[in-house]
Amino acid sequence: MRGERGTVYLIHFHRAYHHARHYLGWTADLSERIDRHASGNGSPLVRAVTAAGIGWTVVRTWVGVTRDFERHLHKTKAGPRFCPVCLGR
């Protein structure tokens, strides 16, 4: 549903995987989605990162937002600007 509210989350990879250092996603159930990523049933990128032996951490969340917010962050490539690890916070 287009106006459904959920959580946007930012995953930071402990080291780069090719060009990627982050994954940005939206979910209605954050704990279930993170469990799926951890078990290898999440996104193809996080699955590849995990298979390459690279650790990752959820470093930021935005609660009560729509998928449109996630799309905006994707389009503007805003992930690194909001990553506390990359910003040294």
PDB file of N, CA and C in Angstrom:
ATOM      1  N   MET A   1       0.844  -1.177   0.000  1.00  0.00           N
ATOM      2  CA  MET A   1       0.000   0.000   0.000  1.00  0.00           C
ATOM      3  C   MET A   1       0.893   1.245   0.000  1.00  0.00           C
ATOM      4  N   ARG A   2       0.618   2.153  -0.863  1.00  0.00           N
ATOM      5  CA  ARG A   2       1.487   3.301  -1.097  1.00  0.00           C
ATOM      6  C   ARG A   2       1.689   4.179   0.127  1.00  0.00           C
ATOM      7  N   GLY A   3       0.652   4.466   0.896  1.00  0.00           N
ATOM      8  CA  GLY A   3       0.782   5.355   2.039  1.00  0.00           C
ATOM      9  C   GLY A   3       1.102   4.659   3.345  1.00  0.00           C
ATOM     10  N   GLU A   4       1.349   3.344   3.278  1.00  0.00           N
ATOM     11  CA  GLU A   4       1.635   2.586   4.493  1.00  0.00           C
ATOM     12  C   GLU A   4       2.885   3.126   5.178  1.00  0.00           C
ATOM     13  N   ARG A   5       2.819   3.210   6.480  1.00  0.00           N
ATOM     14  CA  ARG A   5       3.951   3.703   7.267  1.00  0.00           C
ATOM     15  C   ARG A   5       4.752   2.521   7.798  1.00  0.00           C
ATOM     16  N   GLY A   6       6.044   2.697   7.871  1.00  0.00           N
ATOM     17  CA  GLY A   6       6.937   1.662   8.372  1.00  0.00           C
ATOM     18  C   GLY A   6       8.244   2.277   8.803  1.00  0.00           C
ATOM     19  N   THR A   7       9.303   1.519   8.658  1.00  0.00           N
ATOM     20  CA  THR A   7      10.628   1.956   9.085  1.00  0.00           C
ATOM     21  C   THR A   7      11.602   1.871   7.923  1.00  0.00           C
ATOM     22  N   VAL A   8      12.323   2.948   7.700  1.00  0.00           N
ATOM     23  CA  VAL A   8      13.462   2.926   6.784  1.00  0.00           C
ATOM     24  C   VAL A   8      14.688   2.668   7.644  1.00  0.00           C
ATOM     25  N   TYR A   9      15.573   1.799   7.175  1.00  0.00           N
ATOM     26  CA  TYR A   9      16.758   1.449   7.952  1.00  0.00           C
ATOM     27  C   TYR A   9      17.988   1.523   7.066  1.00  0.00           C
ATOM     28  N   LEU A  10      19.101   1.855   7.692  1.00  0.00           N
ATOM     29  CA  LEU A  10      20.374   1.979   7.000  1.00  0.00           C
ATOM     30  C   LEU A  10      21.344   0.958   7.579  1.00  0.00           C
ATOM     31  N   ILE A  11      21.858   0.092   6.721  1.00  0.00           N
ATOM     32  CA  ILE A  11      22.853  -0.897   7.116  1.00  0.00           C
ATOM     33  C   ILE A  11      24.218  -0.406   6.626  1.00  0.00           C
ATOM     34  N   HIS A  12      25.188  -0.447   7.529  1.00  0.00           N
ATOM     35  CA  HIS A  12      26.576  -0.103   7.193  1.00  0.00           C
ATOM     36  C   HIS A  12      27.377  -1.393   7.103  1.00  0.00           C
ATOM     37  N   PHE A  13      28.083  -1.584   5.982  1.00  0.00           N
ATOM     38  CA  PHE A  13      28.949  -2.749   5.819  1.00  0.00           C
ATOM     39  C   PHE A  13      30.294  -2.452   6.471  1.00  0.00           C
ATOM     40  N   HIS A  14      30.835  -3.408   7.182  1.00  0.00           N
ATOM     41  CA  HIS A  14      32.086  -3.201   7.913  1.00  0.00           C
ATOM     42  C   HIS A  14      33.265  -2.928   6.996  1.00  0.00           C
ATOM     43  N   ARG A  15      33.160  -3.364   5.757  1.00  0.00           N
ATOM     44  CA  ARG A  15      34.105  -2.943   4.720  1.00  0.00           C
ATOM     45  C   ARG A  15      33.344  -2.940   3.402  1.00  0.00           C
ATOM     46  N   ALA A  16      33.864  -2.233   2.432  1.00  0.00           N
ATOM     47  CA  ALA A  16      33.152  -2.083   1.158  1.00  0.00           C
ATOM     48  C   ALA A  16      33.015  -3.429   0.443  1.00  0.00           C
ATOM     49  N   TYR A  17      31.909  -3.599  -0.226  1.00  0.00           N
ATOM     50  CA  TYR A  17      31.685  -4.731  -1.110  1.00  0.00           C
ATOM     51  C   TYR A  17      31.591  -4.141  -2.516  1.00  0.00           C
ATOM     52  N   HIS A  18      32.649  -4.304  -3.286  1.00  0.00           N
ATOM     53  CA  HIS A  18      32.786  -3.621  -4.579  1.00  0.00           C
ATOM     54  C   HIS A  18      32.596  -2.123  -4.334  1.00  0.00           C
ATOM     55  N   HIS A  19      31.551  -1.524  -4.853  1.00  0.00           N
ATOM     56  CA  HIS A  19      31.321  -0.090  -4.661  1.00  0.00           C
ATOM     57  C   HIS A  19      30.456   0.201  -3.435  1.00  0.00           C
ATOM     58  N   ALA A  20      29.803  -0.797  -2.912  1.00  0.00           N
ATOM     59  CA  ALA A  20      28.771  -0.581  -1.893  1.00  0.00           C
ATOM     60  C   ALA A  20      29.318  -0.568  -0.469  1.00  0.00           C
ATOM     61  N   ARG A  21      28.864   0.394   0.313  1.00  0.00           N
ATOM     62  CA  ARG A  21      29.190   0.445   1.738  1.00  0.00           C
ATOM     63  C   ARG A  21      27.933   0.454   2.596  1.00  0.00           C
ATOM     64  N   HIS A  22      26.761   0.593   1.960  1.00  0.00           N
ATOM     65  CA  HIS A  22      25.507   0.702   2.697  1.00  0.00           C
ATOM     66  C   HIS A  22      24.376  -0.001   1.959  1.00  0.00           C
ATOM     67  N   TYR A  23      23.357  -0.330   2.733  1.00  0.00           N
ATOM     68  CA  TYR A  23      22.102  -0.804   2.173  1.00  0.00           C
ATOM     69  C   TYR A  23      20.997  -0.030   2.865  1.00  0.00           C
ATOM     70  N   LEU A  24      20.065   0.465   2.090  1.00  0.00           N
ATOM     71  CA  LEU A  24      18.944   1.226   2.617  1.00  0.00           C
ATOM     72  C   LEU A  24      17.670   0.475   2.275  1.00  0.00           C
ATOM     73  N   GLY A  25      16.826   0.234   3.268  1.00  0.00           N
ATOM     74  CA  GLY A  25      15.600  -0.510   3.020  1.00  0.00           C
ATOM     75  C   GLY A  25      14.424   0.036   3.798  1.00  0.00           C
ATOM     76  N   TRP A  26      13.228  -0.444   3.435  1.00  0.00           N
ATOM     77  CA  TRP A  26      11.983  -0.071   4.109  1.00  0.00           C
ATOM     78  C   TRP A  26      11.296  -1.359   4.524  1.00  0.00           C
ATOM     79  N   THR A  27      10.656  -1.334   5.683  1.00  0.00           N
ATOM     80  CA  THR A  27       9.914  -2.508   6.139  1.00  0.00           C
ATOM     81  C   THR A  27       8.793  -2.092   7.075  1.00  0.00           C
ATOM     82  N   ALA A  28       7.773  -2.925   7.141  1.00  0.00           N
ATOM     83  CA  ALA A  28       6.706  -2.718   8.118  1.00  0.00           C
ATOM     84  C   ALA A  28       7.050  -3.391   9.443  1.00  0.00           C
ATOM     85  N   ASP A  29       8.029  -4.318   9.429  1.00  0.00           N
ATOM     86  CA  ASP A  29       8.425  -5.053  10.637  1.00  0.00           C
ATOM     87  C   ASP A  29       9.954  -5.157  10.662  1.00  0.00           C
ATOM     88  N   LEU A  30      10.601  -4.246  11.360  1.00  0.00           N
ATOM     89  CA  LEU A  30      12.063  -4.147  11.330  1.00  0.00           C
ATOM     90  C   LEU A  30      12.744  -5.412  11.852  1.00  0.00           C
ATOM     91  N   SER A  31      12.329  -5.931  12.980  1.00  0.00           N
ATOM     92  CA  SER A  31      13.029  -7.090  13.538  1.00  0.00           C
ATOM     93  C   SER A  31      12.921  -8.304  12.612  1.00  0.00           C
ATOM     94  N   GLU A  32      11.762  -8.507  12.002  1.00  0.00           N
ATOM     95  CA  GLU A  32      11.585  -9.626  11.072  1.00  0.00           C
ATOM     96  C   GLU A  32      12.469  -9.433   9.841  1.00  0.00           C
ATOM     97  N   ARG A  33      12.548  -8.220   9.338  1.00  0.00           N
ATOM     98  CA  ARG A  33      13.348  -7.951   8.143  1.00  0.00           C
ATOM     99  C   ARG A  33      14.839  -8.141   8.421  1.00  0.00           C
ATOM    100  N   ILE A  34      15.304  -7.672   9.565  1.00  0.00           N
ATOM    101  CA  ILE A  34      16.711  -7.842   9.914  1.00  0.00           C
ATOM    102  C   ILE A  34      17.032  -9.327  10.092  1.00  0.00           C
ATOM    103  N   ASP A  35      16.112 -10.069  10.709  1.00  0.00           N
ATOM    104  CA  ASP A  35      16.301 -11.524  10.833  1.00  0.00           C
ATOM    105  C   ASP A  35      16.421 -12.172   9.453  1.00  0.00           C
ATOM    106  N   ARG A  36      15.610 -11.708   8.493  1.00  0.00           N
ATOM    107  CA  ARG A  36      15.692 -12.251   7.130  1.00  0.00           C
ATOM    108  C   ARG A  36      17.041 -11.942   6.504  1.00  0.00           C
ATOM    109  N   HIS A  37      17.523 -10.712   6.683  1.00  0.00           N
ATOM    110  CA  HIS A  37      18.852 -10.378   6.162  1.00  0.00           C
ATOM    111  C   HIS A  37      19.904 -11.291   6.801  1.00  0.00           C
ATOM    112  N   ALA A  38      19.847 -11.448   8.110  1.00  0.00           N
ATOM    113  CA  ALA A  38      20.851 -12.237   8.841  1.00  0.00           C
ATOM    114  C   ALA A  38      20.840 -13.706   8.431  1.00  0.00           C
ATOM    115  N   SER A  39      19.681 -14.225   8.054  1.00  0.00           N
ATOM    116  CA  SER A  39      19.585 -15.633   7.670  1.00  0.00           C
ATOM    117  C   SER A  39      19.867 -15.868   6.183  1.00  0.00           C
ATOM    118  N   GLY A  40      20.165 -14.794   5.449  1.00  0.00           N
ATOM    119  CA  GLY A  40      20.461 -14.931   4.027  1.00  0.00           C
ATOM    120  C   GLY A  40      19.249 -14.883   3.130  1.00  0.00           C
ATOM    121  N   ASN A  41      18.098 -14.504   3.678  1.00  0.00           N
ATOM    122  CA  ASN A  41      16.865 -14.434   2.894  1.00  0.00           C
ATOM    123  C   ASN A  41      16.398 -13.007   2.675  1.00  0.00           C
ATOM    124  N   GLY A  42      17.294 -12.060   2.844  1.00  0.00           N
ATOM    125  CA  GLY A  42      16.949 -10.652   2.630  1.00  0.00           C
ATOM    126  C   GLY A  42      17.299 -10.234   1.217  1.00  0.00           C
ATOM    127  N   SER A  43      17.841  -9.055   1.085  1.00  0.00           N
ATOM    128  CA  SER A  43      18.177  -8.528  -0.235  1.00  0.00           C
ATOM    129  C   SER A  43      19.379  -9.253  -0.829  1.00  0.00           C
ATOM    130  N   PRO A  44      19.464  -9.290  -2.149  1.00  0.00           N
ATOM    131  CA  PRO A  44      20.626  -9.910  -2.788  1.00  0.00           C
ATOM    132  C   PRO A  44      21.942  -9.241  -2.388  1.00  0.00           C
ATOM    133  N   LEU A  45      21.949  -7.925  -2.216  1.00  0.00           N
ATOM    134  CA  LEU A  45      23.189  -7.251  -1.842  1.00  0.00           C
ATOM    135  C   LEU A  45      23.656  -7.671  -0.455  1.00  0.00           C
ATOM    136  N   VAL A  46      22.763  -7.658   0.524  1.00  0.00           N
ATOM    137  CA  VAL A  46      23.164  -8.039   1.881  1.00  0.00           C
ATOM    138  C   VAL A  46      23.543  -9.515   1.914  1.00  0.00           C
ATOM    139  N   ARG A  47      22.878 -10.337   1.135  1.00  0.00           N
ATOM    140  CA  ARG A  47      23.239 -11.759   1.039  1.00  0.00           C
ATOM    141  C   ARG A  47      24.662 -11.913   0.497  1.00  0.00           C
ATOM    142  N   ALA A  48      25.003 -11.160  -0.551  1.00  0.00           N
ATOM    143  CA  ALA A  48      26.341 -11.226  -1.143  1.00  0.00           C
ATOM    144  C   ALA A  48      27.403 -10.712  -0.166  1.00  0.00           C
ATOM    145  N   VAL A  49      27.083  -9.647   0.545  1.00  0.00           N
ATOM    146  CA  VAL A  49      28.007  -9.089   1.531  1.00  0.00           C
ATOM    147  C   VAL A  49      28.292 -10.122   2.620  1.00  0.00           C
ATOM    148  N   THR A  50      27.240 -10.743   3.113  1.00  0.00           N
ATOM    149  CA  THR A  50      27.389 -11.755   4.164  1.00  0.00           C
ATOM    150  C   THR A  50      28.188 -12.947   3.644  1.00  0.00           C
ATOM    151  N   ALA A  51      27.889 -13.401   2.423  1.00  0.00           N
ATOM    152  CA  ALA A  51      28.610 -14.535   1.837  1.00  0.00           C
ATOM    153  C   ALA A  51      30.085 -14.223   1.634  1.00  0.00           C
ATOM    154  N   ALA A  52      30.405 -12.944   1.440  1.00  0.00           N
ATOM    155  CA  ALA A  52      31.807 -12.532   1.272  1.00  0.00           C
ATOM    156  C   ALA A  52      32.526 -12.394   2.612  1.00  0.00           C
ATOM    157  N   GLY A  53      31.823 -12.683   3.700  1.00  0.00           N
ATOM    158  CA  GLY A  53      32.434 -12.621   5.020  1.00  0.00           C
ATOM    159  C   GLY A  53      32.525 -11.214   5.598  1.00  0.00           C
ATOM    160  N   ILE A  54      31.739 -10.318   5.054  1.00  0.00           N
ATOM    161  CA  ILE A  54      31.730  -8.928   5.519  1.00  0.00           C
ATOM    162  C   ILE A  54      30.593  -8.767   6.520  1.00  0.00           C
ATOM    163  N   GLY A  55      30.919  -8.245   7.692  1.00  0.00           N
ATOM    164  CA  GLY A  55      29.893  -7.990   8.689  1.00  0.00           C
ATOM    165  C   GLY A  55      29.126  -6.722   8.368  1.00  0.00           C
ATOM    166  N   TRP A  56      27.987  -6.567   9.012  1.00  0.00           N
ATOM    167  CA  TRP A  56      27.186  -5.372   8.806  1.00  0.00           C
ATOM    168  C   TRP A  56      26.400  -5.064  10.063  1.00  0.00           C
ATOM    169  N   THR A  57      25.990  -3.809  10.175  1.00  0.00           N
ATOM    170  CA  THR A  57      25.261  -3.339  11.344  1.00  0.00           C
ATOM    171  C   THR A  57      24.187  -2.360  10.910  1.00  0.00           C
ATOM    172  N   VAL A  58      23.018  -2.458  11.531  1.00  0.00           N
ATOM    173  CA  VAL A  58      21.986  -1.433  11.326  1.00  0.00           C
ATOM    174  C   VAL A  58      22.424  -0.222  12.141  1.00  0.00           C
ATOM    175  N   VAL A  59      22.628   0.909  11.464  1.00  0.00           N
ATOM    176  CA  VAL A  59      23.181   2.081  12.146  1.00  0.00           C
ATOM    177  C   VAL A  59      22.211   3.248  12.255  1.00  0.00           C
ATOM    178  N   ARG A  60      21.092   3.193  11.535  1.00  0.00           N
ATOM    179  CA  ARG A  60      20.154   4.303  11.582  1.00  0.00           C
ATOM    180  C   ARG A  60      18.780   3.800  11.177  1.00  0.00           C
ATOM    181  N   THR A  61      17.750   4.340  11.823  1.00  0.00           N
ATOM    182  CA  THR A  61      16.369   4.030  11.441  1.00  0.00           C
ATOM    183  C   THR A  61      15.551   5.315  11.430  1.00  0.00           C
ATOM    184  N   TRP A  62      14.539   5.316  10.598  1.00  0.00           N
ATOM    185  CA  TRP A  62      13.536   6.375  10.547  1.00  0.00           C
ATOM    186  C   TRP A  62      12.188   5.671  10.688  1.00  0.00           C
ATOM    187  N   VAL A  63      11.508   5.891  11.773  1.00  0.00           N
ATOM    188  CA  VAL A  63      10.265   5.178  12.089  1.00  0.00           C
ATOM    189  C   VAL A  63       9.056   6.028  11.669  1.00  0.00           C
ATOM    190  N   GLY A  64       8.018   5.355  11.172  1.00  0.00           N
ATOM    191  CA  GLY A  64       6.771   6.031  10.829  1.00  0.00           C
ATOM    192  C   GLY A  64       6.816   6.771   9.508  1.00  0.00           C
ATOM    193  N   VAL A  65       7.615   6.260   8.565  1.00  0.00           N
ATOM    194  CA  VAL A  65       7.761   6.907   7.263  1.00  0.00           C
ATOM    195  C   VAL A  65       7.246   5.983   6.153  1.00  0.00           C
ATOM    196  N   THR A  66       7.029   6.552   4.988  1.00  0.00           N
ATOM    197  CA  THR A  66       6.517   5.782   3.855  1.00  0.00           C
ATOM    198  C   THR A  66       7.662   5.331   2.952  1.00  0.00           C
ATOM    199  N   ARG A  67       7.309   4.487   2.000  1.00  0.00           N
ATOM    200  CA  ARG A  67       8.290   4.039   1.003  1.00  0.00           C
ATOM    201  C   ARG A  67       8.795   5.211   0.168  1.00  0.00           C
ATOM    202  N   ASP A  68       7.959   6.225   0.014  1.00  0.00           N
ATOM    203  CA  ASP A  68       8.396   7.399  -0.741  1.00  0.00           C
ATOM    204  C   ASP A  68       9.621   8.033  -0.102  1.00  0.00           C
ATOM    205  N   PHE A  69       9.696   8.025   1.222  1.00  0.00           N
ATOM    206  CA  PHE A  69      10.860   8.569   1.911  1.00  0.00           C
ATOM    207  C   PHE A  69      12.100   7.741   1.571  1.00  0.00           C
ATOM    208  N   GLU A  70      11.950   6.418   1.584  1.00  0.00           N
ATOM    209  CA  GLU A  70      13.076   5.556   1.218  1.00  0.00           C
ATOM    210  C   GLU A  70      13.521   5.838  -0.211  1.00  0.00           C
ATOM    211  N   ARG A  71      12.565   5.969  -1.131  1.00  0.00           N
ATOM    212  CA  ARG A  71      12.901   6.251  -2.527  1.00  0.00           C
ATOM    213  C   ARG A  71      13.649   7.578  -2.654  1.00  0.00           C
ATOM    214  N   HIS A  72      13.231   8.564  -1.894  1.00  0.00           N
ATOM    215  CA  HIS A  72      13.911   9.858  -1.906  1.00  0.00           C
ATOM    216  C   HIS A  72      15.371   9.700  -1.467  1.00  0.00           C
ATOM    217  N   LEU A  73      15.601   8.959  -0.386  1.00  0.00           N
ATOM    218  CA  LEU A  73      16.967   8.737   0.079  1.00  0.00           C
ATOM    219  C   LEU A  73      17.791   8.001  -0.970  1.00  0.00           C
ATOM    220  N   HIS A  74      17.176   7.005  -1.626  1.00  0.00           N
ATOM    221  CA  HIS A  74      17.872   6.264  -2.678  1.00  0.00           C
ATOM    222  C   HIS A  74      18.259   7.192  -3.835  1.00  0.00           C
ATOM    223  N   LYS A  75      17.292   7.961  -4.306  1.00  0.00           N
ATOM    224  CA  LYS A  75      17.533   8.837  -5.454  1.00  0.00           C
ATOM    225  C   LYS A  75      18.634   9.845  -5.191  1.00  0.00           C
ATOM    226  N   THR A  76      18.691  10.335  -3.971  1.00  0.00           N
ATOM    227  CA  THR A  76      19.689  11.354  -3.646  1.00  0.00           C
ATOM    228  C   THR A  76      20.993  10.744  -3.134  1.00  0.00           C
ATOM    229  N   LYS A  77      21.044   9.398  -3.110  1.00  0.00           N
ATOM    230  CA  LYS A  77      22.230   8.674  -2.616  1.00  0.00           C
ATOM    231  C   LYS A  77      22.658   9.209  -1.251  1.00  0.00           C
ATOM    232  N   ALA A  78      21.662   9.347  -0.371  1.00  0.00           N
ATOM    233  CA  ALA A  78      21.866  10.006   0.915  1.00  0.00           C
ATOM    234  C   ALA A  78      22.392   9.091   2.015  1.00  0.00           C
ATOM    235  N   GLY A  79      22.463   7.804   1.795  1.00  0.00           N
ATOM    236  CA  GLY A  79      22.891   6.881   2.841  1.00  0.00           C
ATOM    237  C   GLY A  79      24.141   7.305   3.593  1.00  0.00           C
ATOM    238  N   PRO A  80      25.244   7.543   2.893  1.00  0.00           N
ATOM    239  CA  PRO A  80      26.480   7.917   3.604  1.00  0.00           C
ATOM    240  C   PRO A  80      26.367   9.204   4.419  1.00  0.00           C
ATOM    241  N   ARG A  81      25.523  10.125   3.995  1.00  0.00           N
ATOM    242  CA  ARG A  81      25.349  11.386   4.725  1.00  0.00           C
ATOM    243  C   ARG A  81      24.665  11.196   6.073  1.00  0.00           C
ATOM    244  N   PHE A  82      23.983  10.066   6.217  1.00  0.00           N
ATOM    245  CA  PHE A  82      23.269   9.786   7.461  1.00  0.00           C
ATOM    246  C   PHE A  82      23.908   8.668   8.283  1.00  0.00           C
ATOM    247  N   CYS A  83      25.032   8.152   7.828  1.00  0.00           N
ATOM    248  CA  CYS A  83      25.674   7.024   8.516  1.00  0.00           C
ATOM    249  C   CYS A  83      26.574   7.533   9.637  1.00  0.00           C
ATOM    250  N   PRO A  84      26.234   7.228  10.898  1.00  0.00           N
ATOM    251  CA  PRO A  84      27.068   7.700  12.007  1.00  0.00           C
ATOM    252  C   PRO A  84      28.466   7.089  12.003  1.00  0.00           C
ATOM    253  N   VAL A  85      28.625   5.896  11.440  1.00  0.00           N
ATOM    254  CA  VAL A  85      29.947   5.279  11.373  1.00  0.00           C
ATOM    255  C   VAL A  85      30.828   6.073  10.398  1.00  0.00           C
ATOM    256  N   CYS A  86      30.314   6.354   9.238  1.00  0.00           N
ATOM    257  CA  CYS A  86      31.086   7.095   8.226  1.00  0.00           C
ATOM    258  C   CYS A  86      31.354   8.538   8.666  1.00  0.00           C
ATOM    259  N   LEU A  87      30.436   9.086   9.452  1.00  0.00           N
ATOM    260  CA  LEU A  87      30.598  10.467   9.929  1.00  0.00           C
ATOM    261  C   LEU A  87      31.436  10.538  11.207  1.00  0.00           C
ATOM    262  N   GLY A  88      31.839   9.381  11.718  1.00  0.00           N
ATOM    263  CA  GLY A  88      32.672   9.348  12.910  1.00  0.00           C
ATOM    264  C   GLY A  88      31.942   9.698  14.198  1.00  0.00           C
ATOM    265  N   ARG A  89      30.659   9.389  14.240  1.00  0.00           N
ATOM    266  CA  ARG A  89      29.852   9.684  15.439  1.00  0.00           C
ATOM    267  C   ARG A  89      29.604   8.459  16.270  1.00  0.00           C
TER     268      ARG A  89
END
